[in-house]
């Protein structure tokens, strides 16, 4: 039995991005409320407002209104965008640098606050600082086998922790003190506060791109090794963590939902 998990609905037509350009490639997107941000291969950020409409037949459509676009001044692609709505800031990763820009006018903050040496980054949606006027950012550093944690304020950034991993990290998600990491050959959970880590399972980085996503409090979704349509239950225990392998989902290979909690 087939299940239709989602339906694709066009939101922004290519012509709204291309203009008079011959070619453009979308590298990343970010949505915050009705605000849609798009980063392109030619170092532009586009800001659209989305208006969702439902017809009498129940069909959902979107009307996109372009607000503005901004050229970042580099001949590099915009790799990642993350919105920090509490600060009215958009975090932009381009050329291994995370720049803070205003969500409304896309202008960099006057102080020039930025994080240098980032390969990729993730926001901590379950922050531990308790400060409502900052967001916690985890980056994979250009320094080998290094993860760094930052506190990002409206106009400044502050590094709070640097931890080292047994292998080079490729992807990261964060929840509280827990980092879920895809290393070169395996997935691990790392508590960056205590330094305690737990191996999860191996994978082959040559065969597939790792996927690590936070989907809820103390829950991560990972792309696992092969084995189609197979469901397993198992537990991983150590002195500090309890991990439950909840289910696998047939998407051409297995996807694992990992739940972690302190013991």
C-alpha atoms as a PDB file:
ATOM      1  CA  UNK A   1       0.000   0.000   0.000  1.00  0.00           C
ATOM      2  CA  UNK A   2       1.422   3.362  -1.026  1.00  0.00           C
ATOM      3  CA  UNK A   3       1.088   6.397   1.222  1.00  0.00           C
ATOM      4  CA  UNK A   4       1.298   9.938  -0.097  1.00  0.00           C
ATOM      5  CA  UNK A   5       3.307  11.727   2.570  1.00  0.00           C
ATOM      6  CA  UNK A   6       3.259  15.189   1.004  1.00  0.00           C
ATOM      7  CA  UNK A   7       2.239  17.178  -2.055  1.00  0.00           C
ATOM      8  CA  UNK A   8       4.497  19.580  -3.916  1.00  0.00           C
ATOM      9  CA  UNK A   9       3.036  23.053  -4.436  1.00  0.00           C
ATOM     10  CA  UNK A  10       4.871  25.736  -6.389  1.00  0.00           C
ATOM     11  CA  UNK A  11       5.641  28.810  -4.291  1.00  0.00           C
ATOM     12  CA  UNK A  12       8.239  30.869  -6.190  1.00  0.00           C
ATOM     13  CA  UNK A  13       8.577  30.675  -9.957  1.00  0.00           C
ATOM     14  CA  UNK A  14      12.082  30.504 -11.403  1.00  0.00           C
ATOM     15  CA  UNK A  15      11.522  33.729 -13.370  1.00  0.00           C
ATOM     16  CA  UNK A  16      11.156  35.645 -10.092  1.00  0.00           C
ATOM     17  CA  UNK A  17      14.748  34.707  -9.255  1.00  0.00           C
ATOM     18  CA  UNK A  18      16.410  34.689 -12.654  1.00  0.00           C
ATOM     19  CA  UNK A  19      15.312  38.056 -14.015  1.00  0.00           C
ATOM     20  CA  UNK A  20      17.602  38.655 -16.998  1.00  0.00           C
ATOM     21  CA  UNK A  21      20.151  36.039 -15.870  1.00  0.00           C
ATOM     22  CA  UNK A  22      20.886  33.045 -18.072  1.00  0.00           C
ATOM     23  CA  UNK A  23      21.384  30.649 -15.183  1.00  0.00           C
ATOM     24  CA  UNK A  24      20.776  30.512 -11.462  1.00  0.00           C
ATOM     25  CA  UNK A  25      20.946  27.707  -8.928  1.00  0.00           C
ATOM     26  CA  UNK A  26      19.194  27.644  -5.549  1.00  0.00           C
ATOM     27  CA  UNK A  27      21.670  26.522  -2.886  1.00  0.00           C
ATOM     28  CA  UNK A  28      19.539  26.870   0.275  1.00  0.00           C
ATOM     29  CA  UNK A  29      16.217  28.126   1.613  1.00  0.00           C
ATOM     30  CA  UNK A  30      14.879  29.219   4.980  1.00  0.00           C
ATOM     31  CA  UNK A  31      11.281  29.894   5.992  1.00  0.00           C
ATOM     32  CA  UNK A  32      10.281  31.888   9.070  1.00  0.00           C
ATOM     33  CA  UNK A  33       6.569  32.583   9.366  1.00  0.00           C
ATOM     34  CA  UNK A  34       5.560  34.110   6.043  1.00  0.00           C
ATOM     35  CA  UNK A  35       9.137  35.098   5.239  1.00  0.00           C
ATOM     36  CA  UNK A  36      10.963  32.968   2.690  1.00  0.00           C
ATOM     37  CA  UNK A  37      14.690  33.437   2.140  1.00  0.00           C
ATOM     38  CA  UNK A  38      16.583  31.918  -0.782  1.00  0.00           C
ATOM     39  CA  UNK A  39      20.358  31.727  -1.206  1.00  0.00           C
ATOM     40  CA  UNK A  40      21.812  31.256  -4.678  1.00  0.00           C
ATOM     41  CA  UNK A  41      25.043  30.131  -6.287  1.00  0.00           C
ATOM     42  CA  UNK A  42      25.917  33.683  -7.398  1.00  0.00           C
ATOM     43  CA  UNK A  43      26.010  35.031  -3.815  1.00  0.00           C
ATOM     44  CA  UNK A  44      22.546  36.584  -3.683  1.00  0.00           C
ATOM     45  CA  UNK A  45      19.896  36.395  -0.951  1.00  0.00           C
ATOM     46  CA  UNK A  46      16.266  36.849  -1.969  1.00  0.00           C
ATOM     47  CA  UNK A  47      13.466  37.707   0.448  1.00  0.00           C
ATOM     48  CA  UNK A  48       9.847  36.829  -0.383  1.00  0.00           C
ATOM     49  CA  UNK A  49       6.582  37.059   1.546  1.00  0.00           C
ATOM     50  CA  UNK A  50       4.359  33.998   1.107  1.00  0.00           C
ATOM     51  CA  UNK A  51       0.593  34.201   1.230  1.00  0.00           C
ATOM     52  CA  UNK A  52      -1.130  30.827   1.571  1.00  0.00           C
ATOM     53  CA  UNK A  53      -4.539  30.472  -0.042  1.00  0.00           C
ATOM     54  CA  UNK A  54      -7.051  27.615  -0.049  1.00  0.00           C
ATOM     55  CA  UNK A  55      -9.532  27.394  -2.901  1.00  0.00           C
ATOM     56  CA  UNK A  56     -13.142  26.302  -2.524  1.00  0.00           C
ATOM     57  CA  UNK A  57     -12.049  22.906  -3.831  1.00  0.00           C
ATOM     58  CA  UNK A  58      -9.552  22.643  -0.977  1.00  0.00           C
ATOM     59  CA  UNK A  59      -6.477  23.163  -3.159  1.00  0.00           C
ATOM     60  CA  UNK A  60      -3.584  24.996  -1.492  1.00  0.00           C
ATOM     61  CA  UNK A  61      -1.716  27.663  -3.457  1.00  0.00           C
ATOM     62  CA  UNK A  62       0.942  30.195  -2.547  1.00  0.00           C
ATOM     63  CA  UNK A  63       1.366  33.741  -3.778  1.00  0.00           C
ATOM     64  CA  UNK A  64       4.923  35.038  -3.401  1.00  0.00           C
ATOM     65  CA  UNK A  65       5.731  38.725  -3.261  1.00  0.00           C
ATOM     66  CA  UNK A  66       9.365  39.692  -3.676  1.00  0.00           C
ATOM     67  CA  UNK A  67      10.559  42.125  -1.007  1.00  0.00           C
ATOM     68  CA  UNK A  68      14.176  42.629  -1.988  1.00  0.00           C
ATOM     69  CA  UNK A  69      17.420  40.898  -2.860  1.00  0.00           C
ATOM     70  CA  UNK A  70      20.964  41.441  -1.642  1.00  0.00           C
ATOM     71  CA  UNK A  71      24.337  40.703  -3.213  1.00  0.00           C
ATOM     72  CA  UNK A  72      26.902  39.699  -0.582  1.00  0.00           C
ATOM     73  CA  UNK A  73      29.846  40.839  -2.662  1.00  0.00           C
ATOM     74  CA  UNK A  74      31.608  37.504  -3.037  1.00  0.00           C
ATOM     75  CA  UNK A  75      31.939  35.131  -5.968  1.00  0.00           C
ATOM     76  CA  UNK A  76      30.854  32.272  -3.747  1.00  0.00           C
ATOM     77  CA  UNK A  77      27.532  30.461  -3.247  1.00  0.00           C
ATOM     78  CA  UNK A  78      25.332  31.099  -0.218  1.00  0.00           C
ATOM     79  CA  UNK A  79      25.616  27.707   1.484  1.00  0.00           C
ATOM     80  CA  UNK A  80      23.160  27.958   4.400  1.00  0.00           C
ATOM     81  CA  UNK A  81      20.539  30.297   5.847  1.00  0.00           C
ATOM     82  CA  UNK A  82      19.063  30.134   9.352  1.00  0.00           C
ATOM     83  CA  UNK A  83      16.562  32.594  10.833  1.00  0.00           C
ATOM     84  CA  UNK A  84      16.841  33.786  14.422  1.00  0.00           C
ATOM     85  CA  UNK A  85      13.474  35.521  14.691  1.00  0.00           C
ATOM     86  CA  UNK A  86      13.943  36.493  18.358  1.00  0.00           C
ATOM     87  CA  UNK A  87      16.888  38.654  17.280  1.00  0.00           C
ATOM     88  CA  UNK A  88      15.422  39.673  13.891  1.00  0.00           C
ATOM     89  CA  UNK A  89      18.585  38.234  12.382  1.00  0.00           C
ATOM     90  CA  UNK A  90      19.374  35.911   9.504  1.00  0.00           C
ATOM     91  CA  UNK A  91      22.537  33.824   9.830  1.00  0.00           C
ATOM     92  CA  UNK A  92      24.195  33.472   6.434  1.00  0.00           C
ATOM     93  CA  UNK A  93      26.978  30.982   5.706  1.00  0.00           C
ATOM     94  CA  UNK A  94      29.099  31.975   2.722  1.00  0.00           C
ATOM     95  CA  UNK A  95      32.801  31.358   2.074  1.00  0.00           C
ATOM     96  CA  UNK A  96      33.221  29.606   5.480  1.00  0.00           C
ATOM     97  CA  UNK A  97      31.936  32.695   7.314  1.00  0.00           C
ATOM     98  CA  UNK A  98      28.620  33.125   9.148  1.00  0.00           C
ATOM     99  CA  UNK A  99      27.415  36.716   8.827  1.00  0.00           C
ATOM    100  CA  UNK A 100      24.573  38.288  10.815  1.00  0.00           C
ATOM    101  CA  UNK A 101      22.165  40.269   8.648  1.00  0.00           C
ATOM    102  CA  UNK A 102      18.911  42.026   9.397  1.00  0.00           C
ATOM    103  CA  UNK A 103      15.914  39.860   8.443  1.00  0.00           C
ATOM    104  CA  UNK A 104      14.003  42.819   6.998  1.00  0.00           C
ATOM    105  CA  UNK A 105      16.585  44.745   4.939  1.00  0.00           C
ATOM    106  CA  UNK A 106      19.268  42.020   4.594  1.00  0.00           C
ATOM    107  CA  UNK A 107      21.969  44.469   5.684  1.00  0.00           C
ATOM    108  CA  UNK A 108      24.861  43.153   7.811  1.00  0.00           C
ATOM    109  CA  UNK A 109      24.790  44.288  11.436  1.00  0.00           C
ATOM    110  CA  UNK A 110      26.748  47.540  11.919  1.00  0.00           C
ATOM    111  CA  UNK A 111      29.258  45.890  14.274  1.00  0.00           C
ATOM    112  CA  UNK A 112      30.289  43.439  11.561  1.00  0.00           C
ATOM    113  CA  UNK A 113      29.754  40.490  13.936  1.00  0.00           C
ATOM    114  CA  UNK A 114      30.507  37.163  12.258  1.00  0.00           C
ATOM    115  CA  UNK A 115      31.794  33.658  12.869  1.00  0.00           C
ATOM    116  CA  UNK A 116      34.777  32.678  10.744  1.00  0.00           C
ATOM    117  CA  UNK A 117      35.992  29.214   9.826  1.00  0.00           C
ATOM    118  CA  UNK A 118      32.627  27.410   9.611  1.00  0.00           C
ATOM    119  CA  UNK A 119      32.018  24.457   7.292  1.00  0.00           C
ATOM    120  CA  UNK A 120      28.377  24.070   8.328  1.00  0.00           C
ATOM    121  CA  UNK A 121      26.259  25.020  11.356  1.00  0.00           C
ATOM    122  CA  UNK A 122      23.095  24.269  13.302  1.00  0.00           C
ATOM    123  CA  UNK A 123      20.954  26.228  15.754  1.00  0.00           C
ATOM    124  CA  UNK A 124      20.189  24.819  19.190  1.00  0.00           C
ATOM    125  CA  UNK A 125      16.388  24.888  19.397  1.00  0.00           C
ATOM    126  CA  UNK A 126      16.568  23.602  22.968  1.00  0.00           C
ATOM    127  CA  UNK A 127      19.064  26.164  24.359  1.00  0.00           C
ATOM    128  CA  UNK A 128      20.810  25.724  27.682  1.00  0.00           C
ATOM    129  CA  UNK A 129      21.870  29.313  28.404  1.00  0.00           C
ATOM    130  CA  UNK A 130      18.423  30.573  29.445  1.00  0.00           C
ATOM    131  CA  UNK A 131      19.122  33.956  27.825  1.00  0.00           C
ATOM    132  CA  UNK A 132      16.136  34.959  25.629  1.00  0.00           C
ATOM    133  CA  UNK A 133      18.257  37.537  23.798  1.00  0.00           C
ATOM    134  CA  UNK A 134      20.694  35.118  22.207  1.00  0.00           C
ATOM    135  CA  UNK A 135      20.721  31.971  20.112  1.00  0.00           C
ATOM    136  CA  UNK A 136      23.134  29.078  20.478  1.00  0.00           C
ATOM    137  CA  UNK A 137      24.983  28.038  17.339  1.00  0.00           C
ATOM    138  CA  UNK A 138      27.039  24.891  16.788  1.00  0.00           C
ATOM    139  CA  UNK A 139      29.531  24.893  13.912  1.00  0.00           C
ATOM    140  CA  UNK A 140      31.761  22.319  12.303  1.00  0.00           C
ATOM    141  CA  UNK A 141      35.044  24.215  12.164  1.00  0.00           C
ATOM    142  CA  UNK A 142      37.536  24.263   9.310  1.00  0.00           C
ATOM    143  CA  UNK A 143      39.994  23.115  11.987  1.00  0.00           C
ATOM    144  CA  UNK A 144      40.290  19.352  11.766  1.00  0.00           C
ATOM    145  CA  UNK A 145      37.994  17.279  14.042  1.00  0.00           C
ATOM    146  CA  UNK A 146      36.707  20.382  15.818  1.00  0.00           C
ATOM    147  CA  UNK A 147      33.218  21.464  16.901  1.00  0.00           C
ATOM    148  CA  UNK A 148      32.631  24.949  18.322  1.00  0.00           C
ATOM    149  CA  UNK A 149      29.654  26.339  20.245  1.00  0.00           C
ATOM    150  CA  UNK A 150      28.788  30.032  20.053  1.00  0.00           C
ATOM    151  CA  UNK A 151      26.293  32.364  21.657  1.00  0.00           C
ATOM    152  CA  UNK A 152      24.968  34.800  19.057  1.00  0.00           C
ATOM    153  CA  UNK A 153      23.467  38.090  20.212  1.00  0.00           C
ATOM    154  CA  UNK A 154      21.858  40.868  18.215  1.00  0.00           C
ATOM    155  CA  UNK A 155      25.172  42.491  17.310  1.00  0.00           C
ATOM    156  CA  UNK A 156      27.941  40.225  18.645  1.00  0.00           C
ATOM    157  CA  UNK A 157      29.057  36.609  18.916  1.00  0.00           C
ATOM    158  CA  UNK A 158      30.827  34.786  21.730  1.00  0.00           C
ATOM    159  CA  UNK A 159      32.506  31.379  21.632  1.00  0.00           C
ATOM    160  CA  UNK A 160      31.630  29.271  24.669  1.00  0.00           C
ATOM    161  CA  UNK A 161      33.004  25.799  23.955  1.00  0.00           C
ATOM    162  CA  UNK A 162      35.352  23.907  21.672  1.00  0.00           C
ATOM    163  CA  UNK A 163      35.282  20.123  21.551  1.00  0.00           C
ATOM    164  CA  UNK A 164      37.249  17.590  19.524  1.00  0.00           C
ATOM    165  CA  UNK A 165      35.911  14.511  17.768  1.00  0.00           C
ATOM    166  CA  UNK A 166      37.621  11.162  17.040  1.00  0.00           C
ATOM    167  CA  UNK A 167      37.033  11.599  13.279  1.00  0.00           C
ATOM    168  CA  UNK A 168      36.311  14.497  10.990  1.00  0.00           C
ATOM    169  CA  UNK A 169      32.633  15.537  11.415  1.00  0.00           C
ATOM    170  CA  UNK A 170      30.517  15.886   8.254  1.00  0.00           C
ATOM    171  CA  UNK A 171      27.088  16.874   9.604  1.00  0.00           C
ATOM    172  CA  UNK A 172      25.692  17.999  12.952  1.00  0.00           C
ATOM    173  CA  UNK A 173      22.432  18.610  14.797  1.00  0.00           C
ATOM    174  CA  UNK A 174      22.138  19.880  18.354  1.00  0.00           C
ATOM    175  CA  UNK A 175      19.599  19.636  21.174  1.00  0.00           C
ATOM    176  CA  UNK A 176      20.482  20.997  24.602  1.00  0.00           C
ATOM    177  CA  UNK A 177      23.941  19.659  25.469  1.00  0.00           C
ATOM    178  CA  UNK A 178      23.615  16.782  22.964  1.00  0.00           C
ATOM    179  CA  UNK A 179      25.371  16.859  19.609  1.00  0.00           C
ATOM    180  CA  UNK A 180      24.377  14.258  17.045  1.00  0.00           C
ATOM    181  CA  UNK A 181      27.269  13.944  14.612  1.00  0.00           C
ATOM    182  CA  UNK A 182      27.958  12.158  11.374  1.00  0.00           C
ATOM    183  CA  UNK A 183      31.674  11.440  11.351  1.00  0.00           C
ATOM    184  CA  UNK A 184      33.647   9.976   8.478  1.00  0.00           C
ATOM    185  CA  UNK A 185      32.589   6.375   9.176  1.00  0.00           C
ATOM    186  CA  UNK A 186      29.924   6.466  11.901  1.00  0.00           C
ATOM    187  CA  UNK A 187      27.235   8.388  13.743  1.00  0.00           C
ATOM    188  CA  UNK A 188      27.768   9.359  17.382  1.00  0.00           C
ATOM    189  CA  UNK A 189      26.034  11.275  20.176  1.00  0.00           C
ATOM    190  CA  UNK A 190      28.279  13.635  22.126  1.00  0.00           C
ATOM    191  CA  UNK A 191      27.472  15.593  25.274  1.00  0.00           C
ATOM    192  CA  UNK A 192      29.599  18.704  24.765  1.00  0.00           C
ATOM    193  CA  UNK A 193      29.216  19.699  28.419  1.00  0.00           C
ATOM    194  CA  UNK A 194      30.686  16.479  29.869  1.00  0.00           C
ATOM    195  CA  UNK A 195      32.635  15.216  26.858  1.00  0.00           C
ATOM    196  CA  UNK A 196      30.975  11.787  27.080  1.00  0.00           C
ATOM    197  CA  UNK A 197      30.131  10.215  23.715  1.00  0.00           C
ATOM    198  CA  UNK A 198      28.256   7.144  22.473  1.00  0.00           C
ATOM    199  CA  UNK A 199      28.771   5.401  19.139  1.00  0.00           C
ATOM    200  CA  UNK A 200      25.497   4.731  17.305  1.00  0.00           C
ATOM    201  CA  UNK A 201      26.125   2.801  14.074  1.00  0.00           C
ATOM    202  CA  UNK A 202      28.510   2.888  11.101  1.00  0.00           C
ATOM    203  CA  UNK A 203      27.818   4.133   7.597  1.00  0.00           C
ATOM    204  CA  UNK A 204      29.812   4.532   4.382  1.00  0.00           C
ATOM    205  CA  UNK A 205      30.375   8.181   3.489  1.00  0.00           C
ATOM    206  CA  UNK A 206      31.540   7.147  -0.002  1.00  0.00           C
ATOM    207  CA  UNK A 207      28.148   5.621  -0.787  1.00  0.00           C
ATOM    208  CA  UNK A 208      25.756   8.189   0.642  1.00  0.00           C
ATOM    209  CA  UNK A 209      25.589  11.647   2.086  1.00  0.00           C
ATOM    210  CA  UNK A 210      24.885  11.555   5.833  1.00  0.00           C
ATOM    211  CA  UNK A 211      21.662  13.057   7.156  1.00  0.00           C
ATOM    212  CA  UNK A 212      21.386  14.353  10.723  1.00  0.00           C
ATOM    213  CA  UNK A 213      18.261  16.305  11.670  1.00  0.00           C
ATOM    214  CA  UNK A 214      16.783  17.319  15.003  1.00  0.00           C
ATOM    215  CA  UNK A 215      13.040  16.596  14.859  1.00  0.00           C
ATOM    216  CA  UNK A 216      12.016  17.131  18.480  1.00  0.00           C
ATOM    217  CA  UNK A 217      13.242  17.488  22.019  1.00  0.00           C
ATOM    218  CA  UNK A 218      16.090  14.971  22.473  1.00  0.00           C
ATOM    219  CA  UNK A 219      15.225  13.307  19.137  1.00  0.00           C
ATOM    220  CA  UNK A 220      17.267  13.105  15.949  1.00  0.00           C
ATOM    221  CA  UNK A 221      16.534  11.586  12.551  1.00  0.00           C
ATOM    222  CA  UNK A 222      19.474   9.888  10.816  1.00  0.00           C
ATOM    223  CA  UNK A 223      20.005   8.180   7.470  1.00  0.00           C
ATOM    224  CA  UNK A 224      21.235   4.692   8.301  1.00  0.00           C
ATOM    225  CA  UNK A 225      22.971   1.870   6.431  1.00  0.00           C
ATOM    226  CA  UNK A 226      21.219  -0.260   3.808  1.00  0.00           C
ATOM    227  CA  UNK A 227      18.499  -2.863   4.280  1.00  0.00           C
ATOM    228  CA  UNK A 228      15.154  -2.102   2.679  1.00  0.00           C
ATOM    229  CA  UNK A 229      11.852  -2.209   4.532  1.00  0.00           C
ATOM    230  CA  UNK A 230      13.374  -3.601   7.701  1.00  0.00           C
ATOM    231  CA  UNK A 231      12.181  -2.561  11.155  1.00  0.00           C
ATOM    232  CA  UNK A 232      14.278  -3.080  14.256  1.00  0.00           C
ATOM    233  CA  UNK A 233      14.181  -2.220  17.924  1.00  0.00           C
ATOM    234  CA  UNK A 234      17.287  -2.110  20.067  1.00  0.00           C
ATOM    235  CA  UNK A 235      18.838  -0.147  22.914  1.00  0.00           C
ATOM    236  CA  UNK A 236      22.234   1.350  23.492  1.00  0.00           C
ATOM    237  CA  UNK A 237      23.281   1.885  27.107  1.00  0.00           C
ATOM    238  CA  UNK A 238      26.178   3.581  28.817  1.00  0.00           C
ATOM    239  CA  UNK A 239      26.674   5.236  32.180  1.00  0.00           C
ATOM    240  CA  UNK A 240      25.370   8.585  31.054  1.00  0.00           C
ATOM    241  CA  UNK A 241      22.938   8.046  28.184  1.00  0.00           C
ATOM    242  CA  UNK A 242      20.078   5.870  27.141  1.00  0.00           C
ATOM    243  CA  UNK A 243      19.430   5.684  23.404  1.00  0.00           C
ATOM    244  CA  UNK A 244      16.361   4.015  21.937  1.00  0.00           C
ATOM    245  CA  UNK A 245      16.221   3.026  18.293  1.00  0.00           C
ATOM    246  CA  UNK A 246      12.524   3.634  17.745  1.00  0.00           C
ATOM    247  CA  UNK A 247      11.863   2.738  14.129  1.00  0.00           C
ATOM    248  CA  UNK A 248      13.239   2.521  10.627  1.00  0.00           C
ATOM    249  CA  UNK A 249      11.521   3.947   7.587  1.00  0.00           C
ATOM    250  CA  UNK A 250      11.812   2.580   4.068  1.00  0.00           C
ATOM    251  CA  UNK A 251      13.027   5.477   1.912  1.00  0.00           C
ATOM    252  CA  UNK A 252      15.373   3.454  -0.273  1.00  0.00           C
ATOM    253  CA  UNK A 253      17.517   2.868   2.810  1.00  0.00           C
ATOM    254  CA  UNK A 254      16.850   2.984   6.514  1.00  0.00           C
ATOM    255  CA  UNK A 255      16.236   6.138   8.509  1.00  0.00           C
ATOM    256  CA  UNK A 256      16.599   5.918  12.266  1.00  0.00           C
ATOM    257  CA  UNK A 257      14.896   7.973  14.922  1.00  0.00           C
ATOM    258  CA  UNK A 258      17.285   8.293  17.863  1.00  0.00           C
ATOM    259  CA  UNK A 259      15.981   9.425  21.249  1.00  0.00           C
ATOM    260  CA  UNK A 260      18.441  10.324  23.982  1.00  0.00           C
ATOM    261  CA  UNK A 261      17.948  11.029  27.659  1.00  0.00           C
ATOM    262  CA  UNK A 262      20.201  11.339  30.669  1.00  0.00           C
ATOM    263  CA  UNK A 263      20.375   8.358  32.990  1.00  0.00           C
END
